[in-house]
């Protein structure tokens, strides 16, 4: 029988409710499988929370604000762990999302298509 661990739903809910403007803007483009794959917000993956997760393609999309500039090694450790678990990761700065949402959405769409083509 699989080792089931309960989700920390209150923590995920708090993260969703406290979303940054960039996260809220990107969610409008990711919700309802608009890019050809279903995404969820603030989903736990092991000891971490993914800003956006496409389970079917094992794709994590992360948005980085100022706090990420203070601890790049923590992001590197997190990315290493997720890649070790088979996840692809896309990272965008909040400023990129706010200034160029079309470009960010296009990059995510291309990665989803690439992963689907690979048969993930």
N, C-alpha and C. Protein backbone atom coordinates (compact mmCIF):
# COMPACT_ATOMS: atom_id res chain seq x y z
N UNK A 1 0.85 -1.19 0.00
CA UNK A 1 0.00 0.00 0.00
C UNK A 1 0.89 1.24 0.00
N UNK A 2 0.56 2.27 -0.82
CA UNK A 2 1.39 3.48 -0.87
C UNK A 2 1.43 4.20 0.46
N UNK A 3 2.55 4.88 0.68
CA UNK A 3 2.72 5.67 1.89
C UNK A 3 2.02 7.01 1.68
N UNK A 4 0.82 7.18 2.22
CA UNK A 4 0.02 8.38 2.02
C UNK A 4 0.33 9.37 3.12
N UNK A 5 0.57 10.62 2.70
CA UNK A 5 0.80 11.70 3.65
C UNK A 5 -0.25 12.76 3.43
N UNK A 6 -0.92 13.20 4.48
CA UNK A 6 -1.94 14.23 4.30
C UNK A 6 -1.32 15.55 3.83
N UNK A 7 -2.06 16.28 3.03
CA UNK A 7 -1.61 17.59 2.56
C UNK A 7 -1.81 18.62 3.65
N UNK A 8 -0.96 19.62 3.62
CA UNK A 8 -1.13 20.75 4.53
C UNK A 8 -2.04 21.76 3.82
N UNK A 9 -3.32 21.43 3.76
CA UNK A 9 -4.29 22.25 3.03
C UNK A 9 -4.37 23.68 3.56
N UNK A 10 -4.35 23.90 4.87
CA UNK A 10 -4.40 25.29 5.34
C UNK A 10 -3.21 26.12 4.84
N UNK A 11 -2.02 25.52 4.79
CA UNK A 11 -0.84 26.24 4.29
C UNK A 11 -1.00 26.56 2.80
N UNK A 12 -1.44 25.59 2.01
CA UNK A 12 -1.65 25.81 0.58
C UNK A 12 -2.71 26.90 0.36
N UNK A 13 -3.78 26.87 1.13
CA UNK A 13 -4.84 27.87 1.01
C UNK A 13 -4.29 29.26 1.35
N UNK A 14 -3.49 29.34 2.40
CA UNK A 14 -2.91 30.63 2.79
C UNK A 14 -1.99 31.16 1.69
N UNK A 15 -1.22 30.28 1.06
CA UNK A 15 -0.36 30.70 -0.04
C UNK A 15 -1.18 31.19 -1.23
N UNK A 16 -2.27 30.50 -1.54
CA UNK A 16 -3.13 30.94 -2.64
C UNK A 16 -3.77 32.28 -2.34
N UNK A 17 -4.26 32.45 -1.12
CA UNK A 17 -4.91 33.71 -0.73
C UNK A 17 -3.92 34.87 -0.68
N UNK A 18 -2.65 34.57 -0.42
CA UNK A 18 -1.63 35.61 -0.35
C UNK A 18 -0.83 35.74 -1.64
N UNK A 19 -1.42 35.33 -2.74
CA UNK A 19 -0.71 35.35 -4.03
C UNK A 19 -0.27 36.76 -4.39
N UNK A 20 0.89 36.84 -5.03
CA UNK A 20 1.40 38.13 -5.50
C UNK A 20 0.60 38.57 -6.73
N UNK A 21 0.68 39.84 -7.08
CA UNK A 21 0.01 40.28 -8.32
C UNK A 21 0.46 39.48 -9.55
N UNK A 22 1.75 39.15 -9.61
CA UNK A 22 2.25 38.37 -10.75
C UNK A 22 1.63 36.97 -10.76
N UNK A 23 1.51 36.34 -9.60
CA UNK A 23 0.89 35.01 -9.52
C UNK A 23 -0.58 35.07 -9.94
N UNK A 24 -1.27 36.10 -9.49
CA UNK A 24 -2.69 36.23 -9.86
C UNK A 24 -2.84 36.44 -11.37
N UNK A 25 -1.97 37.24 -11.95
CA UNK A 25 -2.03 37.49 -13.39
C UNK A 25 -1.74 36.21 -14.18
N UNK A 26 -0.70 35.50 -13.81
CA UNK A 26 -0.37 34.27 -14.54
C UNK A 26 -1.47 33.23 -14.37
N UNK A 27 -2.07 33.15 -13.20
CA UNK A 27 -3.12 32.16 -12.98
C UNK A 27 -4.29 32.37 -13.94
N UNK A 28 -4.58 33.61 -14.30
CA UNK A 28 -5.66 33.87 -15.25
C UNK A 28 -5.40 33.20 -16.60
N UNK A 29 -4.13 32.94 -16.92
CA UNK A 29 -3.76 32.31 -18.18
C UNK A 29 -3.58 30.80 -18.06
N UNK A 30 -3.33 30.32 -16.82
CA UNK A 30 -3.10 28.89 -16.62
C UNK A 30 -4.37 28.13 -16.20
N UNK A 31 -5.30 28.83 -15.59
CA UNK A 31 -6.52 28.18 -15.08
C UNK A 31 -7.33 27.57 -16.22
N UNK A 32 -8.08 26.58 -15.89
CA UNK A 32 -9.01 25.93 -16.82
C UNK A 32 -8.30 25.34 -18.05
N UNK A 33 -7.08 24.87 -17.86
CA UNK A 33 -6.32 24.16 -18.90
C UNK A 33 -6.22 24.94 -20.21
N UNK A 34 -6.11 26.25 -20.12
CA UNK A 34 -6.05 27.09 -21.31
C UNK A 34 -4.82 26.82 -22.18
N UNK A 35 -3.77 26.25 -21.59
CA UNK A 35 -2.55 25.99 -22.35
C UNK A 35 -2.44 24.53 -22.80
N UNK A 36 -3.54 23.80 -22.70
CA UNK A 36 -3.53 22.41 -23.14
C UNK A 36 -3.22 21.41 -22.06
N UNK A 37 -3.05 21.86 -20.84
CA UNK A 37 -2.79 20.97 -19.70
C UNK A 37 -3.31 21.66 -18.43
N UNK A 38 -3.74 20.86 -17.49
CA UNK A 38 -4.31 21.39 -16.25
C UNK A 38 -3.20 21.78 -15.28
N UNK A 39 -3.30 22.98 -14.73
CA UNK A 39 -2.38 23.46 -13.71
C UNK A 39 -3.15 23.66 -12.40
N UNK A 40 -2.43 23.49 -11.30
CA UNK A 40 -2.95 23.79 -9.97
C UNK A 40 -2.01 24.79 -9.32
N UNK A 41 -2.54 25.54 -8.35
CA UNK A 41 -1.73 26.55 -7.65
C UNK A 41 -1.29 26.04 -6.30
N UNK A 42 -0.09 26.45 -5.91
CA UNK A 42 0.45 26.21 -4.56
C UNK A 42 0.25 24.76 -4.13
N UNK A 43 0.81 23.87 -4.91
CA UNK A 43 0.67 22.43 -4.64
C UNK A 43 1.92 21.90 -3.95
N UNK A 44 1.72 21.10 -2.89
CA UNK A 44 2.88 20.51 -2.22
C UNK A 44 3.51 19.42 -3.08
N UNK A 45 4.84 19.48 -3.14
CA UNK A 45 5.64 18.45 -3.78
C UNK A 45 6.73 18.11 -2.78
N UNK A 46 6.62 16.98 -2.14
CA UNK A 46 7.57 16.63 -1.10
C UNK A 46 7.57 17.72 -0.04
N UNK A 47 8.74 18.23 0.33
CA UNK A 47 8.81 19.26 1.37
C UNK A 47 8.58 20.67 0.86
N UNK A 48 8.26 20.82 -0.43
CA UNK A 48 8.14 22.14 -1.05
C UNK A 48 6.72 22.40 -1.55
N UNK A 49 6.46 23.66 -1.91
CA UNK A 49 5.21 24.05 -2.56
C UNK A 49 5.57 24.64 -3.92
N UNK A 50 4.93 24.12 -4.95
CA UNK A 50 5.13 24.66 -6.30
C UNK A 50 4.13 25.79 -6.50
N UNK A 51 4.59 26.92 -7.04
CA UNK A 51 3.66 28.01 -7.34
C UNK A 51 2.56 27.50 -8.27
N UNK A 52 2.97 26.82 -9.35
CA UNK A 52 2.02 26.23 -10.30
C UNK A 52 2.54 24.85 -10.68
N UNK A 53 1.65 23.88 -10.70
CA UNK A 53 2.03 22.51 -11.00
C UNK A 53 1.11 21.91 -12.04
N UNK A 54 1.71 21.36 -13.08
CA UNK A 54 0.99 20.55 -14.06
C UNK A 54 1.38 19.11 -13.76
N UNK A 55 0.51 18.39 -13.07
CA UNK A 55 0.82 17.02 -12.66
C UNK A 55 1.03 16.09 -13.86
N UNK A 56 0.17 16.21 -14.88
CA UNK A 56 0.22 15.27 -16.00
C UNK A 56 1.55 15.35 -16.75
N UNK A 57 2.15 16.52 -16.82
CA UNK A 57 3.41 16.68 -17.53
C UNK A 57 4.60 16.82 -16.57
N UNK A 58 4.32 16.76 -15.27
CA UNK A 58 5.36 16.90 -14.25
C UNK A 58 6.16 18.19 -14.48
N UNK A 59 5.41 19.28 -14.62
CA UNK A 59 6.00 20.59 -14.88
C UNK A 59 5.67 21.53 -13.73
N UNK A 60 6.70 22.17 -13.20
CA UNK A 60 6.56 23.17 -12.14
C UNK A 60 6.90 24.53 -12.74
N UNK A 61 6.05 25.52 -12.48
CA UNK A 61 6.32 26.89 -12.89
C UNK A 61 6.46 27.71 -11.60
N UNK A 62 7.60 28.36 -11.47
CA UNK A 62 7.90 29.16 -10.29
C UNK A 62 8.03 30.62 -10.67
N UNK A 63 7.49 31.49 -9.84
CA UNK A 63 7.64 32.94 -9.99
C UNK A 63 8.51 33.44 -8.85
N UNK A 64 9.53 34.20 -9.20
CA UNK A 64 10.50 34.65 -8.21
C UNK A 64 10.42 36.15 -8.01
N UNK A 65 10.23 36.53 -6.76
CA UNK A 65 10.25 37.94 -6.40
C UNK A 65 11.56 38.27 -5.72
N UNK A 66 11.58 39.38 -5.04
CA UNK A 66 12.79 39.88 -4.38
C UNK A 66 13.36 38.87 -3.38
N UNK A 67 12.52 38.17 -2.65
CA UNK A 67 13.01 37.25 -1.62
C UNK A 67 13.89 36.15 -2.20
N UNK A 68 13.67 35.80 -3.46
CA UNK A 68 14.48 34.76 -4.09
C UNK A 68 15.90 35.25 -4.37
N UNK A 69 16.06 36.56 -4.51
CA UNK A 69 17.40 37.12 -4.72
C UNK A 69 18.26 36.97 -3.48
N UNK A 70 17.62 36.85 -2.32
CA UNK A 70 18.35 36.76 -1.06
C UNK A 70 18.89 35.37 -0.78
N UNK A 71 18.30 34.35 -1.39
CA UNK A 71 18.73 32.98 -1.11
C UNK A 71 18.70 32.10 -2.37
N UNK A 72 19.57 32.42 -3.34
CA UNK A 72 19.57 31.63 -4.57
C UNK A 72 19.95 30.17 -4.33
N UNK A 73 20.74 29.91 -3.29
CA UNK A 73 21.12 28.52 -3.00
C UNK A 73 19.92 27.69 -2.57
N UNK A 74 18.96 28.29 -1.90
CA UNK A 74 17.74 27.56 -1.51
C UNK A 74 16.95 27.16 -2.75
N UNK A 75 16.86 28.07 -3.74
CA UNK A 75 16.17 27.74 -4.99
C UNK A 75 16.91 26.64 -5.74
N UNK A 76 18.24 26.69 -5.73
CA UNK A 76 19.03 25.66 -6.41
C UNK A 76 18.81 24.31 -5.77
N UNK A 77 18.78 24.26 -4.43
CA UNK A 77 18.53 22.99 -3.72
C UNK A 77 17.13 22.47 -4.05
N UNK A 78 16.18 23.35 -4.05
CA UNK A 78 14.79 22.99 -4.34
C UNK A 78 14.66 22.45 -5.76
N UNK A 79 15.26 23.15 -6.72
CA UNK A 79 15.22 22.71 -8.11
C UNK A 79 15.90 21.35 -8.28
N UNK A 80 17.03 21.17 -7.63
CA UNK A 80 17.75 19.90 -7.71
C UNK A 80 16.88 18.76 -7.18
N UNK A 81 16.22 18.99 -6.05
CA UNK A 81 15.36 17.96 -5.47
C UNK A 81 14.20 17.63 -6.43
N UNK A 82 13.54 18.67 -6.96
CA UNK A 82 12.39 18.44 -7.85
C UNK A 82 12.83 17.74 -9.14
N UNK A 83 13.95 18.13 -9.71
CA UNK A 83 14.44 17.45 -10.92
C UNK A 83 14.75 15.99 -10.62
N UNK A 84 15.29 15.74 -9.44
CA UNK A 84 15.56 14.37 -9.01
C UNK A 84 14.29 13.53 -8.92
N UNK A 85 13.18 14.20 -8.68
CA UNK A 85 11.88 13.52 -8.61
C UNK A 85 11.19 13.47 -9.97
N UNK A 86 11.86 13.98 -11.01
CA UNK A 86 11.34 13.89 -12.37
C UNK A 86 10.54 15.09 -12.85
N UNK A 87 10.64 16.21 -12.17
CA UNK A 87 9.90 17.41 -12.58
C UNK A 87 10.77 18.31 -13.46
N UNK A 88 10.17 18.90 -14.48
CA UNK A 88 10.77 19.98 -15.24
C UNK A 88 10.38 21.28 -14.54
N UNK A 89 11.26 22.27 -14.58
CA UNK A 89 10.99 23.51 -13.85
C UNK A 89 11.22 24.70 -14.77
N UNK A 90 10.26 25.61 -14.77
CA UNK A 90 10.42 26.90 -15.43
C UNK A 90 10.35 27.97 -14.36
N UNK A 91 11.29 28.90 -14.40
CA UNK A 91 11.31 30.01 -13.44
C UNK A 91 11.21 31.33 -14.19
N UNK A 92 10.40 32.21 -13.66
CA UNK A 92 10.24 33.55 -14.22
C UNK A 92 10.27 34.55 -13.07
N UNK A 93 10.82 35.71 -13.32
CA UNK A 93 10.79 36.79 -12.34
C UNK A 93 9.39 37.41 -12.35
N UNK A 94 8.93 37.86 -11.20
CA UNK A 94 7.64 38.53 -11.13
C UNK A 94 7.58 39.68 -12.13
N UNK A 95 8.66 40.44 -12.24
CA UNK A 95 8.70 41.57 -13.16
C UNK A 95 8.49 41.15 -14.60
N UNK A 96 9.02 39.98 -14.98
CA UNK A 96 8.82 39.48 -16.34
C UNK A 96 7.35 39.17 -16.59
N UNK A 97 6.70 38.60 -15.60
CA UNK A 97 5.27 38.28 -15.75
C UNK A 97 4.47 39.56 -15.90
N UNK A 98 4.76 40.55 -15.08
CA UNK A 98 4.00 41.79 -15.11
C UNK A 98 4.27 42.61 -16.38
N UNK A 99 5.50 42.55 -16.88
CA UNK A 99 5.86 43.35 -18.05
C UNK A 99 5.63 42.64 -19.38
N UNK A 100 5.63 41.31 -19.36
CA UNK A 100 5.56 40.56 -20.61
C UNK A 100 4.79 39.25 -20.42
N UNK A 101 3.56 39.35 -20.01
CA UNK A 101 2.76 38.14 -19.75
C UNK A 101 2.64 37.28 -21.00
N UNK A 102 2.54 37.90 -22.17
CA UNK A 102 2.39 37.12 -23.41
C UNK A 102 3.62 36.24 -23.64
N UNK A 103 4.81 36.79 -23.40
CA UNK A 103 6.04 36.02 -23.58
C UNK A 103 6.15 34.88 -22.59
N UNK A 104 5.78 35.13 -21.34
CA UNK A 104 5.82 34.10 -20.31
C UNK A 104 4.84 32.97 -20.66
N UNK A 105 3.63 33.34 -21.03
CA UNK A 105 2.62 32.34 -21.39
C UNK A 105 3.08 31.53 -22.60
N UNK A 106 3.70 32.19 -23.58
CA UNK A 106 4.20 31.49 -24.77
C UNK A 106 5.28 30.48 -24.38
N UNK A 107 6.18 30.87 -23.48
CA UNK A 107 7.23 29.95 -23.04
C UNK A 107 6.65 28.74 -22.33
N UNK A 108 5.64 28.96 -21.49
CA UNK A 108 5.00 27.84 -20.79
C UNK A 108 4.27 26.95 -21.79
N UNK A 109 3.56 27.56 -22.72
CA UNK A 109 2.84 26.79 -23.75
C UNK A 109 3.80 25.91 -24.54
N UNK A 110 4.96 26.46 -24.91
CA UNK A 110 5.96 25.70 -25.67
C UNK A 110 6.50 24.53 -24.84
N UNK A 111 6.73 24.74 -23.56
CA UNK A 111 7.24 23.67 -22.71
C UNK A 111 6.18 22.58 -22.52
N UNK A 112 4.93 22.96 -22.34
CA UNK A 112 3.85 21.97 -22.23
C UNK A 112 3.80 21.14 -23.52
N UNK A 113 3.84 21.80 -24.66
CA UNK A 113 3.79 21.08 -25.95
C UNK A 113 4.99 20.15 -26.09
N UNK A 114 6.17 20.61 -25.69
CA UNK A 114 7.37 19.77 -25.77
C UNK A 114 7.23 18.53 -24.89
N UNK A 115 6.73 18.72 -23.68
CA UNK A 115 6.57 17.58 -22.77
C UNK A 115 5.51 16.60 -23.27
N UNK A 116 4.43 17.12 -23.83
CA UNK A 116 3.40 16.25 -24.40
C UNK A 116 3.98 15.46 -25.57
N UNK A 117 4.75 16.13 -26.40
CA UNK A 117 5.38 15.47 -27.55
C UNK A 117 6.32 14.35 -27.11
N UNK A 118 6.99 14.55 -25.98
CA UNK A 118 7.89 13.55 -25.43
C UNK A 118 7.12 12.36 -24.84
N UNK A 119 5.82 12.54 -24.70
CA UNK A 119 5.01 11.47 -24.13
C UNK A 119 5.03 11.42 -22.62
N UNK A 120 5.27 12.54 -22.01
CA UNK A 120 5.26 12.60 -20.54
C UNK A 120 3.88 12.53 -19.99
